[in-house]
N, C-alpha and C. Protein backbone atom coordinates (compact mmCIF):
# COMPACT_ATOMS: atom_id res chain seq x y z
N MET A 1 23.00 41.33 -31.13
CA MET A 1 21.94 40.41 -31.48
C MET A 1 22.25 39.05 -30.84
N PRO A 2 21.37 38.55 -29.95
CA PRO A 2 21.64 37.27 -29.30
C PRO A 2 21.42 36.11 -30.26
N THR A 3 22.24 35.10 -30.10
CA THR A 3 22.09 33.89 -30.91
C THR A 3 21.33 32.85 -30.10
N ILE A 4 21.19 31.67 -30.68
CA ILE A 4 20.48 30.61 -30.00
C ILE A 4 21.22 30.19 -28.73
N ARG A 5 22.54 30.22 -28.79
CA ARG A 5 23.33 29.75 -27.64
C ARG A 5 23.48 30.81 -26.56
N THR A 6 23.27 32.06 -26.88
CA THR A 6 23.42 33.11 -25.88
C THR A 6 22.12 33.88 -25.74
N ALA A 7 21.91 34.42 -24.60
CA ALA A 7 20.72 35.23 -24.36
C ALA A 7 21.09 36.33 -23.38
N GLU A 8 20.34 37.39 -23.44
CA GLU A 8 20.58 38.48 -22.52
C GLU A 8 19.94 38.14 -21.18
N VAL A 9 20.71 38.25 -20.13
CA VAL A 9 20.22 37.93 -18.80
C VAL A 9 20.26 39.19 -17.97
N ASN A 10 19.11 39.50 -17.38
CA ASN A 10 19.04 40.64 -16.47
C ASN A 10 19.50 40.15 -15.10
N VAL A 11 20.64 40.62 -14.67
CA VAL A 11 21.24 40.15 -13.43
C VAL A 11 20.36 40.47 -12.23
N ALA A 12 19.66 41.58 -12.28
CA ALA A 12 18.84 41.99 -11.14
C ALA A 12 17.67 41.04 -10.90
N THR A 13 17.06 40.54 -11.95
CA THR A 13 15.88 39.67 -11.79
C THR A 13 16.21 38.19 -11.96
N ASN A 14 17.45 37.87 -12.25
CA ASN A 14 17.82 36.48 -12.51
C ASN A 14 17.59 35.60 -11.27
N ASP A 15 17.98 36.08 -10.08
CA ASP A 15 17.79 35.28 -8.87
C ASP A 15 16.32 35.00 -8.61
N ASP A 16 15.48 36.01 -8.80
CA ASP A 16 14.05 35.81 -8.58
C ASP A 16 13.48 34.81 -9.59
N GLU A 17 13.91 34.89 -10.82
CA GLU A 17 13.43 33.95 -11.84
C GLU A 17 13.88 32.53 -11.53
N ARG A 18 15.09 32.36 -11.03
CA ARG A 18 15.57 31.02 -10.67
C ARG A 18 14.75 30.44 -9.51
N ARG A 19 14.41 31.29 -8.52
CA ARG A 19 13.59 30.82 -7.39
C ARG A 19 12.20 30.41 -7.87
N ILE A 20 11.63 31.17 -8.78
CA ILE A 20 10.33 30.81 -9.34
C ILE A 20 10.44 29.49 -10.09
N ASP A 21 11.52 29.32 -10.85
CA ASP A 21 11.73 28.06 -11.57
C ASP A 21 11.84 26.88 -10.60
N LEU A 22 12.49 27.08 -9.46
CA LEU A 22 12.60 26.01 -8.47
C LEU A 22 11.23 25.65 -7.89
N ASP A 23 10.39 26.66 -7.65
CA ASP A 23 9.03 26.38 -7.17
C ASP A 23 8.24 25.62 -8.22
N LEU A 24 8.37 26.01 -9.46
CA LEU A 24 7.67 25.32 -10.54
C LEU A 24 8.20 23.91 -10.73
N LEU A 25 9.48 23.72 -10.47
CA LEU A 25 10.08 22.39 -10.59
C LEU A 25 9.44 21.42 -9.61
N GLU A 26 9.19 21.87 -8.40
CA GLU A 26 8.56 21.01 -7.40
C GLU A 26 7.15 20.63 -7.84
N GLU A 27 6.41 21.57 -8.42
CA GLU A 27 5.07 21.28 -8.93
C GLU A 27 5.14 20.27 -10.08
N ARG A 28 6.11 20.44 -10.95
CA ARG A 28 6.28 19.50 -12.07
C ARG A 28 6.59 18.10 -11.57
N ARG A 29 7.41 18.00 -10.55
CA ARG A 29 7.74 16.70 -9.98
C ARG A 29 6.49 16.03 -9.41
N LYS A 30 5.65 16.81 -8.75
CA LYS A 30 4.41 16.25 -8.20
C LYS A 30 3.50 15.76 -9.32
N ARG A 31 3.38 16.56 -10.39
CA ARG A 31 2.54 16.15 -11.52
C ARG A 31 3.11 14.90 -12.18
N ALA A 32 4.43 14.83 -12.30
CA ALA A 32 5.07 13.66 -12.91
C ALA A 32 4.83 12.41 -12.05
N ALA A 33 4.88 12.56 -10.74
CA ALA A 33 4.63 11.43 -9.85
C ALA A 33 3.19 10.94 -9.99
N ILE A 34 2.26 11.87 -10.14
CA ILE A 34 0.85 11.50 -10.33
C ILE A 34 0.67 10.76 -11.65
N CYS A 35 1.28 11.27 -12.71
CA CYS A 35 1.18 10.61 -14.03
C CYS A 35 1.83 9.23 -13.99
N GLU A 36 2.94 9.11 -13.29
CA GLU A 36 3.61 7.81 -13.18
C GLU A 36 2.73 6.81 -12.45
N ALA A 37 2.07 7.26 -11.38
CA ALA A 37 1.19 6.37 -10.63
C ALA A 37 0.01 5.92 -11.49
N LYS A 38 -0.53 6.83 -12.30
CA LYS A 38 -1.64 6.47 -13.20
C LYS A 38 -1.18 5.44 -14.21
N ALA A 39 0.00 5.65 -14.79
CA ALA A 39 0.51 4.72 -15.80
C ALA A 39 0.77 3.34 -15.19
N LYS A 40 1.34 3.31 -13.98
CA LYS A 40 1.59 2.03 -13.32
C LYS A 40 0.29 1.30 -13.02
N SER A 41 -0.71 2.05 -12.60
CA SER A 41 -2.00 1.44 -12.31
C SER A 41 -2.63 0.87 -13.57
N LYS A 42 -2.50 1.59 -14.66
CA LYS A 42 -3.05 1.12 -15.94
C LYS A 42 -2.34 -0.15 -16.40
N MET A 43 -1.01 -0.17 -16.30
CA MET A 43 -0.26 -1.36 -16.70
C MET A 43 -0.60 -2.55 -15.80
N LYS A 44 -0.79 -2.29 -14.51
CA LYS A 44 -1.16 -3.36 -13.58
C LYS A 44 -2.53 -3.93 -13.97
N GLY A 45 -3.44 -3.07 -14.37
CA GLY A 45 -4.75 -3.53 -14.79
C GLY A 45 -4.67 -4.41 -16.02
N TYR A 46 -3.85 -4.02 -17.00
CA TYR A 46 -3.67 -4.83 -18.20
C TYR A 46 -3.08 -6.20 -17.85
N TYR A 47 -2.08 -6.19 -16.98
CA TYR A 47 -1.43 -7.45 -16.60
C TYR A 47 -2.41 -8.34 -15.85
N ASP A 48 -3.10 -7.77 -14.87
CA ASP A 48 -4.02 -8.56 -14.06
C ASP A 48 -5.18 -9.13 -14.87
N ALA A 49 -5.57 -8.45 -15.95
CA ALA A 49 -6.66 -8.95 -16.78
C ALA A 49 -6.24 -10.19 -17.56
N LYS A 50 -4.96 -10.31 -17.88
CA LYS A 50 -4.49 -11.42 -18.70
C LYS A 50 -3.94 -12.60 -17.90
N VAL A 51 -3.54 -12.38 -16.67
CA VAL A 51 -2.91 -13.44 -15.89
C VAL A 51 -3.98 -14.42 -15.39
N ARG A 52 -3.62 -15.68 -15.39
CA ARG A 52 -4.53 -16.72 -14.90
C ARG A 52 -4.09 -17.16 -13.52
N GLY A 53 -5.05 -17.39 -12.68
CA GLY A 53 -4.73 -17.89 -11.34
C GLY A 53 -4.42 -19.37 -11.39
N VAL A 54 -3.40 -19.80 -10.68
CA VAL A 54 -3.01 -21.20 -10.64
C VAL A 54 -3.17 -21.69 -9.21
N SER A 55 -3.92 -22.74 -9.05
CA SER A 55 -4.07 -23.32 -7.72
C SER A 55 -3.85 -24.82 -7.81
N PHE A 56 -3.15 -25.35 -6.85
CA PHE A 56 -2.86 -26.77 -6.79
C PHE A 56 -3.53 -27.37 -5.56
N ARG A 57 -3.96 -28.60 -5.71
CA ARG A 57 -4.57 -29.33 -4.60
C ARG A 57 -3.67 -30.50 -4.25
N PRO A 58 -3.79 -31.00 -3.06
CA PRO A 58 -2.99 -32.18 -2.70
C PRO A 58 -3.32 -33.34 -3.63
N GLY A 59 -2.29 -33.98 -4.14
CA GLY A 59 -2.47 -35.10 -5.05
C GLY A 59 -2.31 -34.73 -6.51
N ASP A 60 -2.26 -33.43 -6.84
CA ASP A 60 -2.05 -33.01 -8.23
C ASP A 60 -0.61 -33.33 -8.63
N PHE A 61 -0.45 -33.71 -9.90
CA PHE A 61 0.89 -33.95 -10.43
C PHE A 61 1.46 -32.64 -10.93
N VAL A 62 2.64 -32.29 -10.46
CA VAL A 62 3.30 -31.05 -10.87
C VAL A 62 4.77 -31.33 -11.14
N TYR A 63 5.38 -30.48 -11.95
CA TYR A 63 6.82 -30.54 -12.16
C TYR A 63 7.50 -29.70 -11.09
N ARG A 64 8.67 -30.15 -10.67
CA ARG A 64 9.41 -29.47 -9.63
C ARG A 64 10.83 -29.25 -10.12
N ALA A 65 11.42 -28.09 -9.81
CA ALA A 65 12.78 -27.80 -10.24
C ALA A 65 13.73 -28.81 -9.63
N ASN A 66 14.62 -29.33 -10.45
CA ASN A 66 15.56 -30.35 -10.01
C ASN A 66 16.92 -29.70 -9.79
N GLY A 67 17.15 -29.21 -8.59
CA GLY A 67 18.39 -28.53 -8.28
C GLY A 67 19.58 -29.46 -8.15
N VAL A 68 19.33 -30.73 -7.87
CA VAL A 68 20.42 -31.70 -7.69
C VAL A 68 21.14 -31.92 -9.01
N SER A 69 20.41 -31.97 -10.11
CA SER A 69 21.06 -32.22 -11.39
C SER A 69 21.87 -31.02 -11.86
N HIS A 70 21.65 -29.86 -11.27
CA HIS A 70 22.42 -28.67 -11.63
C HIS A 70 23.66 -28.50 -10.76
N ALA A 71 23.81 -29.36 -9.77
CA ALA A 71 24.95 -29.23 -8.85
C ALA A 71 26.26 -29.46 -9.59
N GLU A 72 26.30 -30.47 -10.43
CA GLU A 72 27.51 -30.71 -11.22
C GLU A 72 27.22 -30.36 -12.67
N ASP A 73 28.24 -30.11 -13.41
CA ASP A 73 28.07 -29.74 -14.81
C ASP A 73 27.79 -31.01 -15.61
N ALA A 74 26.52 -31.23 -15.95
CA ALA A 74 26.13 -32.45 -16.63
C ALA A 74 25.77 -32.20 -18.09
N GLY A 75 25.89 -30.99 -18.54
CA GLY A 75 25.55 -30.68 -19.92
C GLY A 75 24.16 -30.10 -20.04
N LYS A 76 23.86 -29.61 -21.21
CA LYS A 76 22.59 -28.93 -21.37
C LYS A 76 21.43 -29.86 -21.67
N LEU A 77 21.68 -31.14 -21.88
CA LEU A 77 20.59 -32.08 -22.14
C LEU A 77 20.06 -32.75 -20.87
N ARG A 78 20.62 -32.41 -19.75
CA ARG A 78 20.18 -32.96 -18.47
C ARG A 78 18.82 -32.37 -18.11
N PRO A 79 17.89 -33.15 -17.56
CA PRO A 79 16.57 -32.60 -17.23
C PRO A 79 16.66 -31.55 -16.12
N LYS A 80 15.93 -30.48 -16.31
CA LYS A 80 15.91 -29.41 -15.32
C LYS A 80 14.75 -29.58 -14.34
N TRP A 81 13.80 -30.41 -14.70
CA TRP A 81 12.61 -30.61 -13.88
C TRP A 81 12.45 -32.09 -13.57
N GLU A 82 11.82 -32.39 -12.47
CA GLU A 82 11.47 -33.76 -12.15
C GLU A 82 9.98 -33.80 -11.86
N GLY A 83 9.37 -34.89 -12.22
CA GLY A 83 7.93 -34.99 -12.01
C GLY A 83 7.39 -36.28 -12.58
N PRO A 84 6.07 -36.34 -12.78
CA PRO A 84 5.43 -37.59 -13.21
C PRO A 84 5.89 -38.09 -14.54
């Protein structure tokens, strides 16, 4: 009586069954790739619906990253941005 961990394997047909499983594996991979592409497209749609476009014109006041103040260790209260 076979248990859950053991099963009777027919040695004569085992190779054929493994080859069939390999063919089915390739089909499963293709289906998984299609599902993944659908999910990515759906997530991109959700993201694109919520994101706002930002455009700047010459003369607009903006903050700019201040890399000079990060050159030396000045502590965490040092400004990270410079601007108006």
